[in-house]
Amino acid sequence: LTITDYSDKILTDTTLTLKKDENLIILGSNGAGKSTLAKLLCGVSHSKRVEIDGQKFNRLSAKERSRNINYIPPKLEIFDEYITVRDFLELSRLYGHISVDETIRLLDLDSLANFSCKTLSSGEQQRLLLASSLLHGAEITIYDEPTANLDPNRTVEVYKILQSDKIKSRIIITHDLSLAYRLEYRVIYMDKGRIVFDDESKKFFEESNLAKFFGDSLKRVDDYFVVNI
């Protein structure tokens, strides 16, 4: 997956290459351009500067796009108040090598399977979206804030699933530095529409870089990062 010298109203001179089976974390403050970059990667912007396996992404059919990339939003947007959790997951199944029942058990959705998606809490919706990504089974899955609205125990469960071999290649957009640190994926840091850091995880989490990007607003406690109040 490649973007070459792309610019728009938000992004400036954006160049990015993701190798096959590589994983990536995208960090940055609000308004830095993270979600805009995700939309570009998904082909929403229909740019000629995005290629996948040497092919212009905007020339691929809808089926080819869905096989290559899946975007998981930060919250569930659904307009059918009657669709159940199980129905939603059945509709999500495309290329994943996992059954709906197995996914329901894995994400602890058993008791919610016959509930309307509209009745779920924000944390339950987050788990449902993660389950749907396993069933979709795209070559690259983009997760936009996958740990938002989750309590600590559920967050640990998500860590484990994101690291599992049930997902081929992941791009994770997050504010959760603890998640980024634990996953140890290549890190991109964005600021004002530009990629200002692109390197391995251990370099990003060096004290000098943390001070550069966060100043004294961040405090590290073992493997966790908290706001320094």
C-alpha atoms as a PDB file:
ATOM      1  CA  LEU A   1       0.000   0.000   0.000  1.00  0.00           C
ATOM      2  CA  THR A   2       1.558   3.283  -1.108  1.00  0.00           C
ATOM      3  CA  ILE A   3       0.669   6.995  -0.971  1.00  0.00           C
ATOM      4  CA  THR A   4       2.964   9.367  -2.855  1.00  0.00           C
ATOM      5  CA  ASP A   5       3.237  13.147  -2.298  1.00  0.00           C
ATOM      6  CA  TYR A   6      -0.454  13.619  -1.516  1.00  0.00           C
ATOM      7  CA  SER A   7      -1.789  17.009  -0.403  1.00  0.00           C
ATOM      8  CA  ASP A   8      -5.276  18.409   0.217  1.00  0.00           C
ATOM      9  CA  LYS A   9      -6.849  20.974   2.585  1.00  0.00           C
ATOM     10  CA  ILE A  10      -5.696  18.973   5.603  1.00  0.00           C
ATOM     11  CA  LEU A  11      -2.781  16.743   4.566  1.00  0.00           C
ATOM     12  CA  THR A  12       0.526  18.118   3.257  1.00  0.00           C
ATOM     13  CA  ASP A  13       3.088  16.200   1.165  1.00  0.00           C
ATOM     14  CA  THR A  14       1.968  12.848   2.572  1.00  0.00           C
ATOM     15  CA  THR A  15       4.052   9.850   1.528  1.00  0.00           C
ATOM     16  CA  LEU A  16       3.547   6.445   3.112  1.00  0.00           C
ATOM     17  CA  THR A  17       4.337   2.833   2.226  1.00  0.00           C
ATOM     18  CA  LEU A  18       2.977  -0.194   4.056  1.00  0.00           C
ATOM     19  CA  LYS A  19       4.555  -3.538   3.225  1.00  0.00           C
ATOM     20  CA  LYS A  20       2.555  -6.758   3.030  1.00  0.00           C
ATOM     21  CA  ASP A  21       1.658  -8.058   6.519  1.00  0.00           C
ATOM     22  CA  GLU A  22       3.155  -4.965   8.158  1.00  0.00           C
ATOM     23  CA  ASN A  23       1.324  -3.304  11.057  1.00  0.00           C
ATOM     24  CA  LEU A  24       1.148   0.411  11.773  1.00  0.00           C
ATOM     25  CA  ILE A  25       0.091   2.764  14.573  1.00  0.00           C
ATOM     26  CA  ILE A  26      -0.984   6.318  13.664  1.00  0.00           C
ATOM     27  CA  LEU A  27      -0.750   8.817  16.525  1.00  0.00           C
ATOM     28  CA  GLY A  28      -1.372  12.544  16.710  1.00  0.00           C
ATOM     29  CA  SER A  29      -3.463  15.202  18.408  1.00  0.00           C
ATOM     30  CA  ASN A  30      -7.039  16.040  17.416  1.00  0.00           C
ATOM     31  CA  GLY A  31      -7.100  17.690  13.997  1.00  0.00           C
ATOM     32  CA  ALA A  32      -3.661  16.352  13.048  1.00  0.00           C
ATOM     33  CA  GLY A  33      -5.063  14.582   9.973  1.00  0.00           C
ATOM     34  CA  LYS A  34      -5.259  10.988  11.220  1.00  0.00           C
ATOM     35  CA  SER A  35      -8.839  10.289  10.123  1.00  0.00           C
ATOM     36  CA  THR A  36      -8.310  12.127   6.839  1.00  0.00           C
ATOM     37  CA  LEU A  37      -5.338   9.863   6.171  1.00  0.00           C
ATOM     38  CA  ALA A  38      -7.506   6.828   6.982  1.00  0.00           C
ATOM     39  CA  LYS A  39     -10.160   7.938   4.474  1.00  0.00           C
ATOM     40  CA  LEU A  40      -7.448   8.378   1.877  1.00  0.00           C
ATOM     41  CA  LEU A  41      -6.140   4.867   2.557  1.00  0.00           C
ATOM     42  CA  CYS A  42      -9.660   3.461   2.200  1.00  0.00           C
ATOM     43  CA  GLY A  43     -10.137   5.085  -1.172  1.00  0.00           C
ATOM     44  CA  VAL A  44     -12.859   7.468   0.004  1.00  0.00           C
ATOM     45  CA  SER A  45     -10.920  10.383  -1.490  1.00  0.00           C
ATOM     46  CA  HIS A  46     -10.508   8.553  -4.832  1.00  0.00           C
ATOM     47  CA  SER A  47      -6.951   9.813  -5.196  1.00  0.00           C
ATOM     48  CA  LYS A  48      -4.730   8.648  -8.041  1.00  0.00           C
ATOM     49  CA  ARG A  49      -1.804   8.819  -5.616  1.00  0.00           C
ATOM     50  CA  VAL A  50      -2.883   5.727  -3.658  1.00  0.00           C
ATOM     51  CA  GLU A  51      -1.749   2.327  -4.938  1.00  0.00           C
ATOM     52  CA  ILE A  52      -2.105  -1.204  -3.641  1.00  0.00           C
ATOM     53  CA  ASP A  53       0.005  -4.012  -5.088  1.00  0.00           C
ATOM     54  CA  GLY A  54       1.029  -1.644  -7.892  1.00  0.00           C
ATOM     55  CA  GLN A  55      -2.551  -0.844  -8.929  1.00  0.00           C
ATOM     56  CA  LYS A  56      -4.239   2.544  -8.660  1.00  0.00           C
ATOM     57  CA  PHE A  57      -6.720   2.148  -5.820  1.00  0.00           C
ATOM     58  CA  ASN A  58      -9.341   4.342  -7.483  1.00  0.00           C
ATOM     59  CA  ARG A  59      -9.469   1.933 -10.427  1.00  0.00           C
ATOM     60  CA  LEU A  60     -10.285  -1.143  -8.357  1.00  0.00           C
ATOM     61  CA  SER A  61     -13.821  -2.505  -8.266  1.00  0.00           C
ATOM     62  CA  ALA A  62     -15.843  -2.276  -5.041  1.00  0.00           C
ATOM     63  CA  LYS A  63     -15.275  -5.996  -4.465  1.00  0.00           C
ATOM     64  CA  GLU A  64     -11.505  -5.660  -4.924  1.00  0.00           C
ATOM     65  CA  ARG A  65     -11.426  -2.722  -2.523  1.00  0.00           C
ATOM     66  CA  SER A  66     -13.390  -4.613   0.120  1.00  0.00           C
ATOM     67  CA  ARG A  67     -11.019  -7.555  -0.154  1.00  0.00           C
ATOM     68  CA  ASN A  68      -7.993  -5.281   0.283  1.00  0.00           C
ATOM     69  CA  ILE A  69      -9.065  -2.734   2.892  1.00  0.00           C
ATOM     70  CA  ASN A  70     -11.698  -2.476   5.624  1.00  0.00           C
ATOM     71  CA  TYR A  71     -12.243   0.597   7.809  1.00  0.00           C
ATOM     72  CA  ILE A  72     -13.619   0.190  11.341  1.00  0.00           C
ATOM     73  CA  PRO A  73     -14.985   3.549  12.582  1.00  0.00           C
ATOM     74  CA  PRO A  74     -14.733   4.802  16.174  1.00  0.00           C
ATOM     75  CA  LYS A  75     -18.470   4.296  16.709  1.00  0.00           C
ATOM     76  CA  LEU A  76     -21.268   2.242  15.201  1.00  0.00           C
ATOM     77  CA  GLU A  77     -23.493   4.110  12.739  1.00  0.00           C
ATOM     78  CA  ILE A  78     -26.609   2.073  12.012  1.00  0.00           C
ATOM     79  CA  PHE A  79     -30.053   3.225  10.891  1.00  0.00           C
ATOM     80  CA  ASP A  80     -32.076  -0.003  11.086  1.00  0.00           C
ATOM     81  CA  GLU A  81     -33.340  -0.174  14.661  1.00  0.00           C
ATOM     82  CA  TYR A  82     -34.365  -3.827  14.264  1.00  0.00           C
ATOM     83  CA  ILE A  83     -31.102  -5.362  13.063  1.00  0.00           C
ATOM     84  CA  THR A  84     -29.689  -7.651  15.743  1.00  0.00           C
ATOM     85  CA  VAL A  85     -26.083  -8.238  16.724  1.00  0.00           C
ATOM     86  CA  ARG A  86     -26.138 -11.640  15.013  1.00  0.00           C
ATOM     87  CA  ASP A  87     -27.701 -10.179  11.842  1.00  0.00           C
ATOM     88  CA  PHE A  88     -25.057  -7.447  11.726  1.00  0.00           C
ATOM     89  CA  LEU A  89     -22.280 -10.000  12.033  1.00  0.00           C
ATOM     90  CA  GLU A  90     -23.807 -12.253   9.369  1.00  0.00           C
ATOM     91  CA  LEU A  91     -23.802  -9.270   6.994  1.00  0.00           C
ATOM     92  CA  SER A  92     -20.169  -8.509   7.902  1.00  0.00           C
ATOM     93  CA  ARG A  93     -18.871 -11.931   6.909  1.00  0.00           C
ATOM     94  CA  LEU A  94     -16.870 -11.808   3.685  1.00  0.00           C
ATOM     95  CA  TYR A  95     -13.346 -13.242   3.663  1.00  0.00           C
ATOM     96  CA  GLY A  96     -12.606 -14.080   7.298  1.00  0.00           C
ATOM     97  CA  HIS A  97     -11.812 -17.677   8.267  1.00  0.00           C
ATOM     98  CA  ILE A  98     -13.901 -17.585  11.424  1.00  0.00           C
ATOM     99  CA  SER A  99     -17.566 -18.355  12.075  1.00  0.00           C
ATOM    100  CA  VAL A 100     -20.134 -15.912  13.411  1.00  0.00           C
ATOM    101  CA  ASP A 101     -20.633 -18.098  16.501  1.00  0.00           C
ATOM    102  CA  GLU A 102     -16.895 -18.204  17.201  1.00  0.00           C
ATOM    103  CA  THR A 103     -16.671 -14.435  16.853  1.00  0.00           C
ATOM    104  CA  ILE A 104     -19.595 -13.936  19.219  1.00  0.00           C
ATOM    105  CA  ARG A 105     -17.873 -16.115  21.835  1.00  0.00           C
ATOM    106  CA  LEU A 106     -14.485 -14.455  21.312  1.00  0.00           C
ATOM    107  CA  LEU A 107     -15.864 -10.951  21.892  1.00  0.00           C
ATOM    108  CA  ASP A 108     -18.214 -12.076  24.688  1.00  0.00           C
ATOM    109  CA  LEU A 109     -21.349 -11.072  22.777  1.00  0.00           C
ATOM    110  CA  ASP A 110     -23.354 -14.244  23.569  1.00  0.00           C
ATOM    111  CA  SER A 111     -25.893 -12.528  25.808  1.00  0.00           C
ATOM    112  CA  LEU A 112     -26.366  -9.733  23.244  1.00  0.00           C
ATOM    113  CA  ALA A 113     -26.663 -11.828  20.068  1.00  0.00           C
ATOM    114  CA  ASN A 114     -30.414 -11.300  19.670  1.00  0.00           C
ATOM    115  CA  PHE A 115     -30.482  -7.701  20.876  1.00  0.00           C
ATOM    116  CA  SER A 116     -30.939  -4.776  18.517  1.00  0.00           C
ATOM    117  CA  CYS A 117     -27.636  -3.053  17.730  1.00  0.00           C
ATOM    118  CA  LYS A 118     -29.331   0.220  18.679  1.00  0.00           C
ATOM    119  CA  THR A 119     -29.649  -0.913  22.311  1.00  0.00           C
ATOM    120  CA  LEU A 120     -25.933  -1.557  22.841  1.00  0.00           C
ATOM    121  CA  SER A 121     -23.757   0.625  25.029  1.00  0.00           C
ATOM    122  CA  SER A 122     -20.801   2.410  23.434  1.00  0.00           C
ATOM    123  CA  GLY A 123     -18.395  -0.229  24.772  1.00  0.00           C
ATOM    124  CA  GLU A 124     -20.567  -3.076  23.470  1.00  0.00           C
ATOM    125  CA  GLN A 125     -20.730  -1.386  20.068  1.00  0.00           C
ATOM    126  CA  GLN A 126     -16.938  -1.194  20.053  1.00  0.00           C
ATOM    127  CA  ARG A 127     -16.700  -4.942  20.618  1.00  0.00           C
ATOM    128  CA  LEU A 128     -19.278  -5.553  17.882  1.00  0.00           C
ATOM    129  CA  LEU A 129     -17.239  -3.509  15.403  1.00  0.00           C
ATOM    130  CA  LEU A 130     -14.100  -5.461  16.297  1.00  0.00           C
ATOM    131  CA  ALA A 131     -16.015  -8.720  15.784  1.00  0.00           C
ATOM    132  CA  SER A 132     -17.207  -7.533  12.378  1.00  0.00           C
ATOM    133  CA  SER A 133     -13.616  -6.856  11.294  1.00  0.00           C
ATOM    134  CA  LEU A 134     -12.636 -10.467  11.992  1.00  0.00           C
ATOM    135  CA  LEU A 135     -15.503 -11.686   9.814  1.00  0.00           C
ATOM    136  CA  HIS A 136     -14.716  -9.246   7.008  1.00  0.00           C
ATOM    137  CA  GLY A 137     -11.135 -10.525   6.853  1.00  0.00           C
ATOM    138  CA  ALA A 138      -9.629  -7.842   4.598  1.00  0.00           C
ATOM    139  CA  GLU A 139      -5.919  -7.829   3.755  1.00  0.00           C
ATOM    140  CA  ILE A 140      -5.585  -4.540   5.675  1.00  0.00           C
ATOM    141  CA  THR A 141      -7.934  -3.433   8.453  1.00  0.00           C
ATOM    142  CA  ILE A 142      -7.927   0.176   9.634  1.00  0.00           C
ATOM    143  CA  TYR A 143      -9.112   0.575  13.238  1.00  0.00           C
ATOM    144  CA  ASP A 144     -10.077   4.100  14.280  1.00  0.00           C
ATOM    145  CA  GLU A 145      -9.787   4.362  18.091  1.00  0.00           C
ATOM    146  CA  PRO A 146     -10.499   0.655  18.814  1.00  0.00           C
ATOM    147  CA  THR A 147     -10.181   1.033  22.597  1.00  0.00           C
ATOM    148  CA  ALA A 148     -12.432   4.088  22.930  1.00  0.00           C
ATOM    149  CA  ASN A 149     -15.268   3.603  25.443  1.00  0.00           C
ATOM    150  CA  LEU A 150     -13.808   0.374  26.847  1.00  0.00           C
ATOM    151  CA  ASP A 151     -13.154  -0.324  30.517  1.00  0.00           C
ATOM    152  CA  PRO A 152      -9.658  -1.580  31.489  1.00  0.00           C
ATOM    153  CA  ASN A 153     -10.574  -5.288  31.397  1.00  0.00           C
ATOM    154  CA  ARG A 154     -12.117  -5.005  27.932  1.00  0.00           C
ATOM    155  CA  THR A 155      -9.134  -2.976  26.747  1.00  0.00           C
ATOM    156  CA  VAL A 156      -6.806  -5.840  27.683  1.00  0.00           C
ATOM    157  CA  GLU A 157      -9.032  -8.231  25.695  1.00  0.00           C
ATOM    158  CA  VAL A 158      -8.794  -5.940  22.663  1.00  0.00           C
ATOM    159  CA  TYR A 159      -4.978  -5.863  22.991  1.00  0.00           C
ATOM    160  CA  LYS A 160      -4.946  -9.642  22.692  1.00  0.00           C
ATOM    161  CA  ILE A 161      -7.308  -9.765  19.713  1.00  0.00           C
ATOM    162  CA  LEU A 162      -5.419  -7.051  17.835  1.00  0.00           C
ATOM    163  CA  GLN A 163      -2.256  -9.128  18.246  1.00  0.00           C
ATOM    164  CA  SER A 164      -3.871 -12.381  17.099  1.00  0.00           C
ATOM    165  CA  ASP A 165      -3.295 -14.063  13.753  1.00  0.00           C
ATOM    166  CA  LYS A 166      -7.009 -13.670  12.962  1.00  0.00           C
ATOM    167  CA  ILE A 167      -6.146 -10.219  11.551  1.00  0.00           C
ATOM    168  CA  LYS A 168      -3.797 -10.023   8.570  1.00  0.00           C
ATOM    169  CA  SER A 169      -2.448  -6.467   8.608  1.00  0.00           C
ATOM    170  CA  ARG A 170      -3.543  -3.620  10.869  1.00  0.00           C
ATOM    171  CA  ILE A 171      -3.444   0.156  10.790  1.00  0.00           C
ATOM    172  CA  ILE A 172      -4.509   1.488  14.181  1.00  0.00           C
ATOM    173  CA  ILE A 173      -5.428   5.130  14.706  1.00  0.00           C
ATOM    174  CA  THR A 174      -5.376   5.904  18.411  1.00  0.00           C
ATOM    175  CA  HIS A 175      -4.721   8.351  21.238  1.00  0.00           C
ATOM    176  CA  ASP A 176      -3.945   5.402  23.504  1.00  0.00           C
ATOM    177  CA  LEU A 177      -0.179   5.494  23.989  1.00  0.00           C
ATOM    178  CA  SER A 178      -0.297   2.447  26.253  1.00  0.00           C
ATOM    179  CA  LEU A 179      -1.890   0.474  23.408  1.00  0.00           C
ATOM    180  CA  ALA A 180       0.731   1.719  20.956  1.00  0.00           C
ATOM    181  CA  TYR A 181       3.562   0.860  23.349  1.00  0.00           C
ATOM    182  CA  ARG A 182       2.316  -2.673  24.034  1.00  0.00           C
ATOM    183  CA  LEU A 183       1.661  -3.548  20.396  1.00  0.00           C
ATOM    184  CA  GLU A 184       5.187  -2.470  19.343  1.00  0.00           C
ATOM    185  CA  TYR A 185       4.136  -1.718  15.760  1.00  0.00           C
ATOM    186  CA  ARG A 186       5.810   0.835  13.531  1.00  0.00           C
ATOM    187  CA  VAL A 187       4.632   4.309  14.595  1.00  0.00           C
ATOM    188  CA  ILE A 188       3.614   7.342  12.572  1.00  0.00           C
ATOM    189  CA  TYR A 189       3.066  10.596  14.445  1.00  0.00           C
ATOM    190  CA  MET A 190       1.110  13.358  12.710  1.00  0.00           C
ATOM    191  CA  ASP A 191       1.040  17.073  13.442  1.00  0.00           C
ATOM    192  CA  LYS A 192      -0.882  19.727  11.500  1.00  0.00           C
ATOM    193  CA  GLY A 193      -1.429  17.474   8.492  1.00  0.00           C
ATOM    194  CA  ARG A 194       2.156  16.269   8.215  1.00  0.00           C
ATOM    195  CA  ILE A 195       3.857  13.008   9.110  1.00  0.00           C
ATOM    196  CA  VAL A 196       6.596  14.220  11.461  1.00  0.00           C
ATOM    197  CA  PHE A 197       7.733  10.806  12.722  1.00  0.00           C
ATOM    198  CA  ASP A 198       7.822   7.434  10.968  1.00  0.00           C
ATOM    199  CA  ASP A 199       9.958   4.754  12.596  1.00  0.00           C
ATOM    200  CA  GLU A 200       9.927   1.718  14.855  1.00  0.00           C
ATOM    201  CA  SER A 201       8.042   1.779  18.139  1.00  0.00           C
ATOM    202  CA  LYS A 202      11.023   1.684  20.497  1.00  0.00           C
ATOM    203  CA  LYS A 203      12.460   4.844  18.930  1.00  0.00           C
ATOM    204  CA  PHE A 204       9.166   6.724  19.267  1.00  0.00           C
ATOM    205  CA  PHE A 205       9.000   5.885  22.963  1.00  0.00           C
ATOM    206  CA  GLU A 206      12.499   7.154  23.704  1.00  0.00           C
ATOM    207  CA  GLU A 207      12.402   9.930  26.297  1.00  0.00           C
ATOM    208  CA  SER A 208      13.698  12.513  23.817  1.00  0.00           C
ATOM    209  CA  ASN A 209      10.852  11.898  21.362  1.00  0.00           C
ATOM    210  CA  LEU A 210       8.166  11.799  24.046  1.00  0.00           C
ATOM    211  CA  ALA A 211       9.445  15.145  25.326  1.00  0.00           C
ATOM    212  CA  LYS A 212       9.508  16.518  21.778  1.00  0.00           C
ATOM    213  CA  PHE A 213       5.899  15.585  20.995  1.00  0.00           C
ATOM    214  CA  PHE A 214       4.228  15.857  24.405  1.00  0.00           C
ATOM    215  CA  GLY A 215       6.433  18.145  26.476  1.00  0.00           C
ATOM    216  CA  ASP A 216       5.781  17.730  30.207  1.00  0.00           C
ATOM    217  CA  SER A 217       2.088  16.844  29.720  1.00  0.00           C
ATOM    218  CA  LEU A 218       2.813  13.116  29.771  1.00  0.00           C
ATOM    219  CA  LYS A 219       3.945  10.867  32.598  1.00  0.00           C
ATOM    220  CA  ARG A 220       5.077   7.265  32.216  1.00  0.00           C
ATOM    221  CA  VAL A 221       4.217   4.699  34.888  1.00  0.00           C
ATOM    222  CA  ASP A 222       5.790   1.343  33.977  1.00  0.00           C
ATOM    223  CA  ASP A 223       4.128   0.363  30.668  1.00  0.00           C
ATOM    224  CA  TYR A 224       1.377   2.981  30.934  1.00  0.00           C
ATOM    225  CA  PHE A 225       1.219   6.627  29.888  1.00  0.00           C
ATOM    226  CA  VAL A 226      -0.986   9.089  31.760  1.00  0.00           C
ATOM    227  CA  VAL A 227      -1.666  12.812  31.685  1.00  0.00           C
ATOM    228  CA  ASN A 228       0.741  14.599  34.014  1.00  0.00           C
ATOM    229  CA  ILE A 229      -1.583  16.779  36.081  1.00  0.00           C
END
